[in-house]
Amino acid sequence: MNWHYTVHEDKFEYMAHLYNRNNLLEHLPFCSDIYQYSTNKDSLTPFDQLRDSGVTVCSDLNWTTHVKAIADKARQKAAWVFSVFHTRSSTTMLTLYKSLVRSLLEYCCPVWNPKKISDIQELEGVQRTFTSRIAGCQELDYWERLQKLSLMSLQRRRERYIVLHMWKLPHGDVSNDIRIEFVEKPRTGIKA
């Protein structure tokens, strides 16, 4: 198929998403040719991971690489907050946490919401550590700290963002780029 456009080979990257990594076809010698993209000069092979709009996407749709990167960045930002600000009052610390640290952990989260327990724990660990250093929360366990500080777990917040986004789609409040079809039935309501 000819789409009548030229690709700038130095800037062009592509990824092949493989649903079944155990497929025997993938291990045959000619299989790499199936996943190659040919240009005028060269043939490009797919990348295992790409970064797009701040989100690292892996070809197997595993979010561990992205989760590790944002958790590390959030830990660095939290360390900076604790080194610069000497007060540990809940008002100041929560303001800094929500604006500087949690925003890193939740950027585009409806796209990359992790399912692996280790990834979820990695993200929650950042919030767990930060809240343990707030004045009056040192002796409380994680869930008691969240309750005292009126915070939700990060996993719960990501689930909430997904539900809100899915509610906005059929109402036209956000664009339906992936063309999810909604059917409204009088008895069961709207279903995707």
N, C-alpha and C. Protein backbone atom coordinates (compact mmCIF):
# COMPACT_ATOMS: atom_id res chain seq x y z
N MET A 1 0.84 -1.17 0.00
CA MET A 1 0.00 0.00 0.00
C MET A 1 0.89 1.24 0.00
N ASN A 2 0.60 2.20 -0.86
CA ASN A 2 1.36 3.42 -0.96
C ASN A 2 0.54 4.56 -0.37
N TRP A 3 1.04 5.19 0.68
CA TRP A 3 0.32 6.27 1.35
C TRP A 3 0.82 7.64 0.91
N HIS A 4 1.74 7.71 -0.03
CA HIS A 4 2.23 8.95 -0.63
C HIS A 4 2.81 9.93 0.39
N TYR A 5 3.63 9.43 1.26
CA TYR A 5 4.38 10.31 2.14
C TYR A 5 5.76 9.72 2.32
N THR A 6 6.70 10.60 2.62
CA THR A 6 8.06 10.14 2.83
C THR A 6 8.36 10.14 4.32
N VAL A 7 9.19 9.22 4.72
CA VAL A 7 9.55 9.06 6.12
C VAL A 7 10.96 9.58 6.32
N HIS A 8 11.15 10.43 7.31
CA HIS A 8 12.48 10.90 7.66
C HIS A 8 13.10 9.82 8.54
N GLU A 9 14.01 9.06 7.96
CA GLU A 9 14.54 7.87 8.64
C GLU A 9 15.22 8.18 9.97
N ASP A 10 15.81 9.36 10.10
CA ASP A 10 16.51 9.70 11.34
C ASP A 10 15.54 9.98 12.49
N LYS A 11 14.30 10.34 12.16
CA LYS A 11 13.32 10.69 13.19
C LYS A 11 12.23 9.64 13.34
N PHE A 12 12.18 8.70 12.47
CA PHE A 12 11.09 7.73 12.44
C PHE A 12 11.43 6.52 13.30
N GLU A 13 10.52 6.16 14.19
CA GLU A 13 10.66 4.95 15.01
C GLU A 13 9.33 4.24 14.98
N TYR A 14 9.38 2.95 15.01
CA TYR A 14 8.11 2.23 15.08
C TYR A 14 8.26 1.01 15.97
N MET A 15 7.12 0.51 16.38
CA MET A 15 7.07 -0.61 17.31
C MET A 15 6.02 -1.59 16.82
N ALA A 16 6.32 -2.86 16.91
CA ALA A 16 5.35 -3.90 16.57
C ALA A 16 4.87 -4.51 17.88
N HIS A 17 3.56 -4.42 18.12
CA HIS A 17 2.99 -5.01 19.33
C HIS A 17 2.68 -6.48 19.06
N LEU A 18 3.28 -7.33 19.84
CA LEU A 18 3.07 -8.76 19.69
C LEU A 18 2.24 -9.26 20.85
N TYR A 19 1.09 -9.81 20.56
CA TYR A 19 0.20 -10.27 21.62
C TYR A 19 0.67 -11.58 22.24
N ASN A 20 1.23 -12.47 21.43
CA ASN A 20 1.62 -13.78 21.92
C ASN A 20 3.11 -13.96 21.72
N ARG A 21 3.88 -13.71 22.76
CA ARG A 21 5.34 -13.84 22.67
C ARG A 21 5.78 -15.30 22.52
N ASN A 22 4.91 -16.25 22.82
CA ASN A 22 5.27 -17.65 22.72
C ASN A 22 4.93 -18.23 21.35
N ASN A 23 4.58 -17.39 20.42
CA ASN A 23 4.22 -17.83 19.08
C ASN A 23 5.45 -18.46 18.40
N LEU A 24 5.30 -19.65 17.89
CA LEU A 24 6.42 -20.35 17.26
C LEU A 24 6.87 -19.67 15.97
N LEU A 25 5.96 -18.96 15.30
CA LEU A 25 6.31 -18.27 14.07
C LEU A 25 7.42 -17.24 14.30
N GLU A 26 7.41 -16.62 15.45
CA GLU A 26 8.39 -15.58 15.76
C GLU A 26 9.82 -16.13 15.80
N HIS A 27 10.00 -17.40 16.05
CA HIS A 27 11.34 -17.99 16.17
C HIS A 27 11.89 -18.51 14.84
N LEU A 28 11.12 -18.42 13.78
CA LEU A 28 11.60 -18.85 12.48
C LEU A 28 12.57 -17.82 11.90
N PRO A 29 13.52 -18.25 11.06
CA PRO A 29 14.57 -17.34 10.58
C PRO A 29 14.05 -16.16 9.75
N PHE A 30 12.96 -16.33 9.03
CA PHE A 30 12.47 -15.26 8.16
C PHE A 30 11.50 -14.32 8.87
N CYS A 31 11.20 -14.58 10.09
CA CYS A 31 10.18 -13.81 10.81
C CYS A 31 10.59 -12.36 11.01
N SER A 32 11.89 -12.09 11.18
CA SER A 32 12.31 -10.71 11.38
C SER A 32 11.97 -9.84 10.17
N ASP A 33 11.92 -10.45 8.98
CA ASP A 33 11.55 -9.69 7.78
C ASP A 33 10.10 -9.23 7.83
N ILE A 34 9.24 -9.98 8.52
CA ILE A 34 7.82 -9.62 8.61
C ILE A 34 7.65 -8.31 9.36
N TYR A 35 8.46 -8.09 10.37
CA TYR A 35 8.31 -6.93 11.22
C TYR A 35 9.19 -5.75 10.81
N GLN A 36 9.83 -5.81 9.64
CA GLN A 36 10.67 -4.72 9.19
C GLN A 36 9.86 -3.76 8.32
N TYR A 37 10.25 -2.49 8.40
CA TYR A 37 9.61 -1.44 7.62
C TYR A 37 10.64 -0.92 6.66
N SER A 38 10.35 -0.94 5.38
CA SER A 38 11.32 -0.53 4.37
C SER A 38 11.08 0.92 3.95
N THR A 39 12.18 1.66 3.85
CA THR A 39 12.14 3.04 3.36
C THR A 39 12.97 3.10 2.09
N ASN A 40 13.14 4.28 1.55
CA ASN A 40 13.91 4.42 0.32
C ASN A 40 15.37 4.02 0.52
N LYS A 41 15.94 4.38 1.67
CA LYS A 41 17.35 4.13 1.91
C LYS A 41 17.60 2.83 2.65
N ASP A 42 16.78 2.55 3.62
CA ASP A 42 17.09 1.53 4.60
C ASP A 42 15.86 0.71 4.93
N SER A 43 16.10 -0.32 5.73
CA SER A 43 14.96 -1.01 6.34
C SER A 43 15.10 -0.85 7.84
N LEU A 44 13.99 -0.48 8.47
CA LEU A 44 13.98 -0.20 9.90
C LEU A 44 13.43 -1.41 10.65
N THR A 45 14.02 -1.71 11.77
CA THR A 45 13.50 -2.78 12.62
C THR A 45 12.76 -2.15 13.79
N PRO A 46 11.78 -2.83 14.33
CA PRO A 46 10.99 -2.23 15.41
C PRO A 46 11.79 -2.13 16.70
N PHE A 47 11.43 -1.13 17.49
CA PHE A 47 12.01 -0.94 18.81
C PHE A 47 11.23 -1.75 19.83
N ASP A 48 11.91 -2.17 20.90
CA ASP A 48 11.22 -2.86 21.99
C ASP A 48 10.50 -1.89 22.90
N GLN A 49 11.00 -0.65 22.98
CA GLN A 49 10.33 0.36 23.78
C GLN A 49 10.56 1.74 23.16
N LEU A 50 9.54 2.58 23.27
CA LEU A 50 9.59 3.94 22.76
C LEU A 50 9.00 4.88 23.80
N ARG A 51 9.44 6.11 23.76
CA ARG A 51 8.89 7.13 24.65
C ARG A 51 8.05 8.07 23.80
N ASP A 52 6.78 8.20 24.15
CA ASP A 52 5.88 9.06 23.40
C ASP A 52 5.08 9.91 24.38
N SER A 53 5.19 11.22 24.25
CA SER A 53 4.48 12.17 25.11
C SER A 53 4.74 11.90 26.59
N GLY A 54 5.95 11.52 26.93
CA GLY A 54 6.32 11.31 28.32
C GLY A 54 6.00 9.94 28.88
N VAL A 55 5.46 9.04 28.06
CA VAL A 55 5.11 7.70 28.50
C VAL A 55 5.98 6.70 27.74
N THR A 56 6.66 5.83 28.47
CA THR A 56 7.47 4.79 27.85
C THR A 56 6.59 3.58 27.58
N VAL A 57 6.46 3.25 26.30
CA VAL A 57 5.61 2.14 25.87
C VAL A 57 6.51 1.00 25.42
N CYS A 58 6.27 -0.20 25.92
CA CYS A 58 7.03 -1.39 25.51
C CYS A 58 6.20 -2.20 24.52
N SER A 59 6.87 -2.94 23.67
CA SER A 59 6.17 -3.68 22.62
C SER A 59 5.25 -4.75 23.17
N ASP A 60 5.52 -5.25 24.37
CA ASP A 60 4.64 -6.25 24.97
C ASP A 60 3.59 -5.62 25.89
N LEU A 61 3.50 -4.28 25.85
CA LEU A 61 2.56 -3.50 26.67
C LEU A 61 2.74 -3.76 28.16
N ASN A 62 3.97 -3.98 28.56
CA ASN A 62 4.34 -4.12 29.96
C ASN A 62 4.78 -2.73 30.44
N TRP A 63 4.24 -2.27 31.54
CA TRP A 63 4.48 -0.91 32.00
C TRP A 63 5.58 -0.81 33.05
N THR A 64 6.30 -1.87 33.32
CA THR A 64 7.32 -1.87 34.37
C THR A 64 8.41 -0.83 34.12
N THR A 65 8.87 -0.70 32.91
CA THR A 65 9.91 0.27 32.57
C THR A 65 9.43 1.69 32.86
N HIS A 66 8.21 1.99 32.44
CA HIS A 66 7.65 3.33 32.67
C HIS A 66 7.44 3.58 34.17
N VAL A 67 6.90 2.60 34.87
CA VAL A 67 6.64 2.74 36.30
C VAL A 67 7.95 2.99 37.04
N LYS A 68 8.98 2.24 36.73
CA LYS A 68 10.28 2.41 37.39
C LYS A 68 10.82 3.81 37.14
N ALA A 69 10.73 4.29 35.91
CA ALA A 69 11.26 5.61 35.56
C ALA A 69 10.53 6.72 36.30
N ILE A 70 9.20 6.66 36.34
CA ILE A 70 8.48 7.76 37.00
C ILE A 70 8.60 7.67 38.52
N ALA A 71 8.69 6.46 39.05
CA ALA A 71 8.88 6.31 40.50
C ALA A 71 10.24 6.87 40.91
N ASP A 72 11.28 6.61 40.12
CA ASP A 72 12.60 7.15 40.41
C ASP A 72 12.59 8.68 40.34
N LYS A 73 11.94 9.22 39.32
CA LYS A 73 11.86 10.67 39.18
C LYS A 73 11.08 11.29 40.34
N ALA A 74 10.01 10.63 40.77
CA ALA A 74 9.20 11.14 41.89
C ALA A 74 9.99 11.07 43.20
N ARG A 75 10.78 10.00 43.39
CA ARG A 75 11.61 9.90 44.59
C ARG A 75 12.66 11.01 44.63
N GLN A 76 13.24 11.31 43.48
CA GLN A 76 14.22 12.40 43.41
C GLN A 76 13.57 13.73 43.77
N LYS A 77 12.37 13.96 43.25
CA LYS A 77 11.66 15.20 43.54
C LYS A 77 11.29 15.27 45.02
N ALA A 78 10.88 14.14 45.60
CA ALA A 78 10.56 14.11 47.03
C ALA A 78 11.80 14.39 47.87
N ALA A 79 12.93 13.82 47.49
CA ALA A 79 14.18 14.08 48.22
C ALA A 79 14.53 15.56 48.14
N TRP A 80 14.32 16.17 47.00
CA TRP A 80 14.58 17.59 46.84
C TRP A 80 13.67 18.40 47.77
N VAL A 81 12.38 18.04 47.83
CA VAL A 81 11.44 18.74 48.70
C VAL A 81 11.90 18.68 50.15
N PHE A 82 12.30 17.50 50.60
CA PHE A 82 12.72 17.35 52.00
C PHE A 82 14.06 18.03 52.29
N SER A 83 14.89 18.19 51.28
CA SER A 83 16.17 18.87 51.51
C SER A 83 16.02 20.39 51.50
N VAL A 84 15.05 20.91 50.77
CA VAL A 84 14.90 22.36 50.65
C VAL A 84 13.96 22.93 51.72
N PHE A 85 12.88 22.22 51.99
CA PHE A 85 11.88 22.72 52.95
C PHE A 85 12.08 22.03 54.28
N HIS A 86 12.30 22.82 55.32
CA HIS A 86 12.58 22.25 56.63
C HIS A 86 11.32 21.97 57.44
N THR A 87 10.24 22.64 57.12
CA THR A 87 8.99 22.39 57.83
C THR A 87 8.43 21.03 57.40
N ARG A 88 7.77 20.38 58.32
CA ARG A 88 7.12 19.10 58.02
C ARG A 88 5.63 19.17 58.30
N SER A 89 5.08 20.39 58.33
CA SER A 89 3.65 20.56 58.60
C SER A 89 2.85 19.92 57.47
N SER A 90 1.73 19.37 57.83
CA SER A 90 0.94 18.64 56.84
C SER A 90 0.45 19.53 55.70
N THR A 91 0.09 20.77 55.99
CA THR A 91 -0.40 21.68 54.95
C THR A 91 0.67 21.94 53.90
N THR A 92 1.86 22.28 54.35
CA THR A 92 2.96 22.57 53.43
C THR A 92 3.39 21.32 52.67
N MET A 93 3.58 20.23 53.40
CA MET A 93 4.05 19.00 52.76
C MET A 93 3.03 18.44 51.76
N LEU A 94 1.75 18.50 52.09
CA LEU A 94 0.74 18.00 51.16
C LEU A 94 0.65 18.85 49.91
N THR A 95 0.79 20.15 50.07
CA THR A 95 0.79 21.04 48.91
C THR A 95 1.96 20.72 47.99
N LEU A 96 3.13 20.55 48.56
CA LEU A 96 4.32 20.21 47.77
C LEU A 96 4.19 18.82 47.15
N TYR A 97 3.68 17.87 47.93
CA TYR A 97 3.53 16.50 47.43
C TYR A 97 2.57 16.46 46.24
N LYS A 98 1.42 17.08 46.40
CA LYS A 98 0.41 17.02 45.33
C LYS A 98 0.87 17.73 44.06
N SER A 99 1.57 18.82 44.21
CA SER A 99 1.96 19.58 43.03
C SER A 99 3.25 19.07 42.37
N LEU A 100 4.20 18.61 43.16
CA LEU A 100 5.50 18.24 42.59
C LEU A 100 5.74 16.75 42.46
N VAL A 101 5.22 15.95 43.38
CA VAL A 101 5.54 14.51 43.38
C VAL A 101 4.40 13.69 42.78
N ARG A 102 3.21 13.85 43.32
CA ARG A 102 2.08 13.03 42.84
C ARG A 102 1.76 13.32 41.38
N SER A 103 1.96 14.55 40.95
CA SER A 103 1.69 14.88 39.54
C SER A 103 2.57 14.05 38.60
N LEU A 104 3.80 13.75 39.02
CA LEU A 104 4.68 12.90 38.21
C LEU A 104 4.16 11.46 38.16
N LEU A 105 3.61 10.99 39.27
CA LEU A 105 3.14 9.61 39.36
C LEU A 105 1.82 9.37 38.64
N GLU A 106 1.10 10.44 38.32
CA GLU A 106 -0.23 10.28 37.72
C GLU A 106 -0.34 10.80 36.29
N TYR A 107 0.73 11.29 35.73
CA TYR A 107 0.68 11.84 34.39
C TYR A 107 0.26 10.76 33.38
N CYS A 108 -0.80 10.98 32.67
CA CYS A 108 -1.34 10.06 31.64
C CYS A 108 -1.68 8.68 32.20
N CYS A 109 -2.01 8.58 33.47
CA CYS A 109 -2.22 7.27 34.08
C CYS A 109 -3.38 6.46 33.49
N PRO A 110 -4.42 7.03 32.90
CA PRO A 110 -5.41 6.15 32.26
C PRO A 110 -4.83 5.35 31.09
N VAL A 111 -3.74 5.85 30.52
CA VAL A 111 -3.09 5.14 29.41
C VAL A 111 -2.29 3.96 29.91
N TRP A 112 -1.55 4.15 31.00
CA TRP A 112 -0.56 3.14 31.41
C TRP A 112 -0.89 2.46 32.74
N ASN A 113 -2.08 2.48 33.21
CA ASN A 113 -2.43 1.91 34.51
C ASN A 113 -1.86 0.49 34.67
N PRO A 114 -0.94 0.29 35.64
CA PRO A 114 -0.29 -1.03 35.76
C PRO A 114 -1.20 -2.07 36.39
N LYS A 115 -0.96 -3.32 36.04
CA LYS A 115 -1.70 -4.45 36.60
C LYS A 115 -0.83 -5.31 37.50
N LYS A 116 0.48 -5.26 37.31
CA LYS A 116 1.38 -6.08 38.12
C LYS A 116 1.45 -5.53 39.54
N ILE A 117 1.37 -6.40 40.51
CA ILE A 117 1.42 -5.99 41.91
C ILE A 117 2.73 -5.28 42.22
N SER A 118 3.83 -5.74 41.66
CA SER A 118 5.13 -5.11 41.93
C SER A 118 5.15 -3.67 41.42
N ASP A 119 4.52 -3.40 40.27
CA ASP A 119 4.45 -2.04 39.75
C ASP A 119 3.58 -1.15 40.63
N ILE A 120 2.46 -1.70 41.07
CA ILE A 120 1.55 -0.94 41.95
C ILE A 120 2.26 -0.61 43.26
N GLN A 121 2.98 -1.58 43.82
CA GLN A 121 3.70 -1.36 45.06
C GLN A 121 4.84 -0.35 44.89
N GLU A 122 5.47 -0.37 43.73
CA GLU A 122 6.55 0.59 43.45
C GLU A 122 6.02 2.02 43.52
N LEU A 123 4.85 2.25 42.93
CA LEU A 123 4.26 3.58 42.94
C LEU A 123 3.75 3.96 44.33
N GLU A 124 3.07 3.03 44.97
CA GLU A 124 2.56 3.31 46.32
C GLU A 124 3.70 3.55 47.30
N GLY A 125 4.85 2.95 47.05
CA GLY A 125 5.99 3.13 47.92
C GLY A 125 6.46 4.57 47.99
N VAL A 126 6.31 5.30 46.90
CA VAL A 126 6.70 6.71 46.90
C VAL A 126 5.79 7.49 47.84
N GLN A 127 4.48 7.27 47.72
CA GLN A 127 3.54 7.97 48.60
C GLN A 127 3.69 7.50 50.04
N ARG A 128 3.93 6.21 50.22
CA ARG A 128 4.11 5.65 51.57
C ARG A 128 5.29 6.33 52.28
N THR A 129 6.40 6.47 51.58
CA THR A 129 7.60 7.09 52.17
C THR A 129 7.38 8.56 52.44
N PHE A 130 6.78 9.26 51.48
CA PHE A 130 6.57 10.70 51.65
C PHE A 130 5.67 10.98 52.85
N THR A 131 4.55 10.27 52.94
CA THR A 131 3.60 10.54 54.03
C THR A 131 4.17 10.16 55.39
N SER A 132 5.12 9.24 55.43
CA SER A 132 5.69 8.84 56.72
C SER A 132 6.57 9.93 57.32
N ARG A 133 6.96 10.91 56.52
CA ARG A 133 7.83 11.99 57.00
C ARG A 133 7.08 13.27 57.35
N ILE A 134 5.76 13.22 57.24
CA ILE A 134 4.94 14.39 57.58
C ILE A 134 4.71 14.41 59.09
N ALA A 135 4.75 15.60 59.67
CA ALA A 135 4.59 15.76 61.12
C ALA A 135 3.28 15.16 61.60
N GLY A 136 3.35 14.37 62.66
CA GLY A 136 2.17 13.75 63.25
C GLY A 136 1.75 12.45 62.60
N CYS A 137 2.50 11.99 61.62
CA CYS A 137 2.13 10.76 60.91
C CYS A 137 3.16 9.66 61.05
N GLN A 138 4.25 9.91 61.77
CA GLN A 138 5.35 8.95 61.84
C GLN A 138 4.94 7.64 62.50
N GLU A 139 4.07 7.67 63.48
CA GLU A 139 3.70 6.46 64.22
C GLU A 139 2.53 5.71 63.58
N LEU A 140 1.90 6.28 62.58
CA LEU A 140 0.73 5.67 61.96
C LEU A 140 1.15 4.74 60.83
N ASP A 141 0.34 3.70 60.57
CA ASP A 141 0.64 2.88 59.40
C ASP A 141 0.12 3.60 58.15
N TYR A 142 0.42 3.05 56.99
CA TYR A 142 0.13 3.73 55.71
C TYR A 142 -1.34 4.11 55.57
N TRP A 143 -2.23 3.17 55.84
CA TRP A 143 -3.66 3.43 55.64
C TRP A 143 -4.20 4.44 56.65
N GLU A 144 -3.66 4.42 57.85
CA GLU A 144 -4.05 5.44 58.84
C GLU A 144 -3.54 6.82 58.43
N ARG A 145 -2.33 6.87 57.86
CA ARG A 145 -1.80 8.15 57.37
C ARG A 145 -2.67 8.70 56.25
N LEU A 146 -3.07 7.83 55.32
CA LEU A 146 -3.92 8.30 54.22
C LEU A 146 -5.23 8.85 54.75
N GLN A 147 -5.80 8.17 55.73
CA GLN A 147 -7.06 8.62 56.30
C GLN A 147 -6.88 9.97 57.02
N LYS A 148 -5.82 10.10 57.79
CA LYS A 148 -5.57 11.33 58.53
C LYS A 148 -5.32 12.51 57.59
N LEU A 149 -4.62 12.25 56.48
CA LEU A 149 -4.26 13.31 55.53
C LEU A 149 -5.31 13.51 54.44
N SER A 150 -6.40 12.73 54.50
CA SER A 150 -7.47 12.79 53.49
C SER A 150 -6.94 12.52 52.09
N LEU A 151 -6.12 11.49 51.97
CA LEU A 151 -5.58 11.07 50.68
C LEU A 151 -6.15 9.71 50.31
N MET A 152 -6.17 9.43 49.01
CA MET A 152 -6.51 8.09 48.53
C MET A 152 -5.22 7.41 48.10
N SER A 153 -5.26 6.10 48.02
CA SER A 153 -4.11 5.39 47.48
C SER A 153 -3.97 5.77 46.00
N LEU A 154 -2.77 5.67 45.47
CA LEU A 154 -2.54 6.02 44.07
C LEU A 154 -3.29 5.07 43.13
N GLN A 155 -3.38 3.81 43.53
CA GLN A 155 -4.12 2.85 42.72
C GLN A 155 -5.59 3.24 42.63
N ARG A 156 -6.17 3.64 43.73
CA ARG A 156 -7.57 4.07 43.74
C ARG A 156 -7.78 5.31 42.90
N ARG A 157 -6.83 6.24 42.95
CA ARG A 157 -6.92 7.46 42.14
C ARG A 157 -6.85 7.13 40.65
N ARG A 158 -5.96 6.20 40.27
CA ARG A 158 -5.87 5.82 38.85
C ARG A 158 -7.17 5.18 38.39
N GLU A 159 -7.76 4.31 39.22
CA GLU A 159 -9.03 3.69 38.87
C GLU A 159 -10.11 4.76 38.70
N ARG A 160 -10.09 5.74 39.57
CA ARG A 160 -11.07 6.83 39.50
C ARG A 160 -10.91 7.62 38.21
N TYR A 161 -9.66 7.92 37.82
CA TYR A 161 -9.42 8.64 36.57
C TYR A 161 -9.96 7.87 35.37
N ILE A 162 -9.77 6.56 35.36
CA ILE A 162 -10.26 5.75 34.25
C ILE A 162 -11.78 5.77 34.18
N VAL A 163 -12.43 5.64 35.33
CA VAL A 163 -13.90 5.67 35.37
C VAL A 163 -14.40 7.03 34.89
N LEU A 164 -13.80 8.10 35.36
CA LEU A 164 -14.21 9.44 34.93
C LEU A 164 -14.01 9.64 33.44
N HIS A 165 -12.88 9.16 32.92
CA HIS A 165 -12.61 9.29 31.49
C HIS A 165 -13.63 8.49 30.66
N MET A 166 -13.93 7.29 31.11
CA MET A 166 -14.91 6.48 30.38
C MET A 166 -16.31 7.10 30.45
N TRP A 167 -16.63 7.80 31.54
CA TRP A 167 -17.93 8.47 31.65
C TRP A 167 -17.98 9.65 30.69
N LYS A 168 -16.87 10.35 30.51
CA LYS A 168 -16.84 11.53 29.64
C LYS A 168 -16.91 11.17 28.16
N LEU A 169 -16.47 9.99 27.78
CA LEU A 169 -16.45 9.61 26.37
C LEU A 169 -17.83 9.65 25.71
N PRO A 170 -18.84 8.94 26.20
CA PRO A 170 -20.12 8.97 25.50
C PRO A 170 -20.83 10.32 25.59
N HIS A 171 -20.44 11.15 26.55
CA HIS A 171 -21.06 12.46 26.70
C HIS A 171 -20.37 13.52 25.85
N GLY A 172 -19.29 13.16 25.16
CA GLY A 172 -18.60 14.08 24.27
C GLY A 172 -17.71 15.08 24.97
N ASP A 173 -17.39 14.86 26.23
CA ASP A 173 -16.54 15.79 26.98
C ASP A 173 -15.06 15.61 26.63
N VAL A 174 -14.68 14.44 26.14
CA VAL A 174 -13.31 14.18 25.67
C VAL A 174 -13.42 13.49 24.32
N SER A 175 -12.36 13.60 23.52
CA SER A 175 -12.41 12.99 22.19
C SER A 175 -12.27 11.47 22.29
N ASN A 176 -12.98 10.78 21.43
CA ASN A 176 -12.99 9.32 21.39
C ASN A 176 -12.03 8.87 20.29
N ASP A 177 -10.73 9.05 20.54
CA ASP A 177 -9.71 8.76 19.54
C ASP A 177 -9.62 7.29 19.17
N ILE A 178 -9.88 6.41 20.11
CA ILE A 178 -9.77 4.98 19.81
C ILE A 178 -11.11 4.37 19.40
N ARG A 179 -12.10 5.23 19.21
CA ARG A 179 -13.41 4.86 18.66
C ARG A 179 -14.10 3.74 19.43
N ILE A 180 -14.23 3.93 20.72
CA ILE A 180 -14.99 2.99 21.53
C ILE A 180 -16.46 3.22 21.22
N GLU A 181 -17.16 2.16 20.91
CA GLU A 181 -18.59 2.27 20.58
C GLU A 181 -19.42 2.02 21.83
N PHE A 182 -20.40 2.88 22.03
CA PHE A 182 -21.28 2.78 23.19
C PHE A 182 -22.70 2.46 22.71
N VAL A 183 -23.35 1.56 23.44
CA VAL A 183 -24.72 1.17 23.13
C VAL A 183 -25.57 1.47 24.36
N GLU A 184 -26.66 2.20 24.14
CA GLU A 184 -27.53 2.53 25.26
C GLU A 184 -28.79 1.69 25.16
N LYS A 185 -29.06 0.96 26.22
CA LYS A 185 -30.26 0.13 26.30
C LYS A 185 -31.08 0.63 27.49
N PRO A 186 -32.40 0.66 27.34
CA PRO A 186 -33.21 1.19 28.43
C PRO A 186 -33.09 0.42 29.75
N ARG A 187 -32.86 -0.87 29.63
CA ARG A 187 -32.82 -1.70 30.84
C ARG A 187 -31.47 -1.68 31.55
N THR A 188 -30.36 -1.69 30.78
CA THR A 188 -29.03 -1.79 31.38
C THR A 188 -28.23 -0.50 31.31
N GLY A 189 -28.67 0.50 30.55
CA GLY A 189 -27.94 1.75 30.45
C GLY A 189 -26.90 1.71 29.35
N ILE A 190 -25.88 2.54 29.47
CA ILE A 190 -24.84 2.66 28.44
C ILE A 190 -23.75 1.63 28.71
N LYS A 191 -23.38 0.89 27.65
CA LYS A 191 -22.29 -0.09 27.74
C LYS A 191 -21.32 0.14 26.61
N ALA A 192 -20.04 -0.09 26.90
CA ALA A 192 -19.00 0.05 25.88
C ALA A 192 -18.84 -1.26 25.14
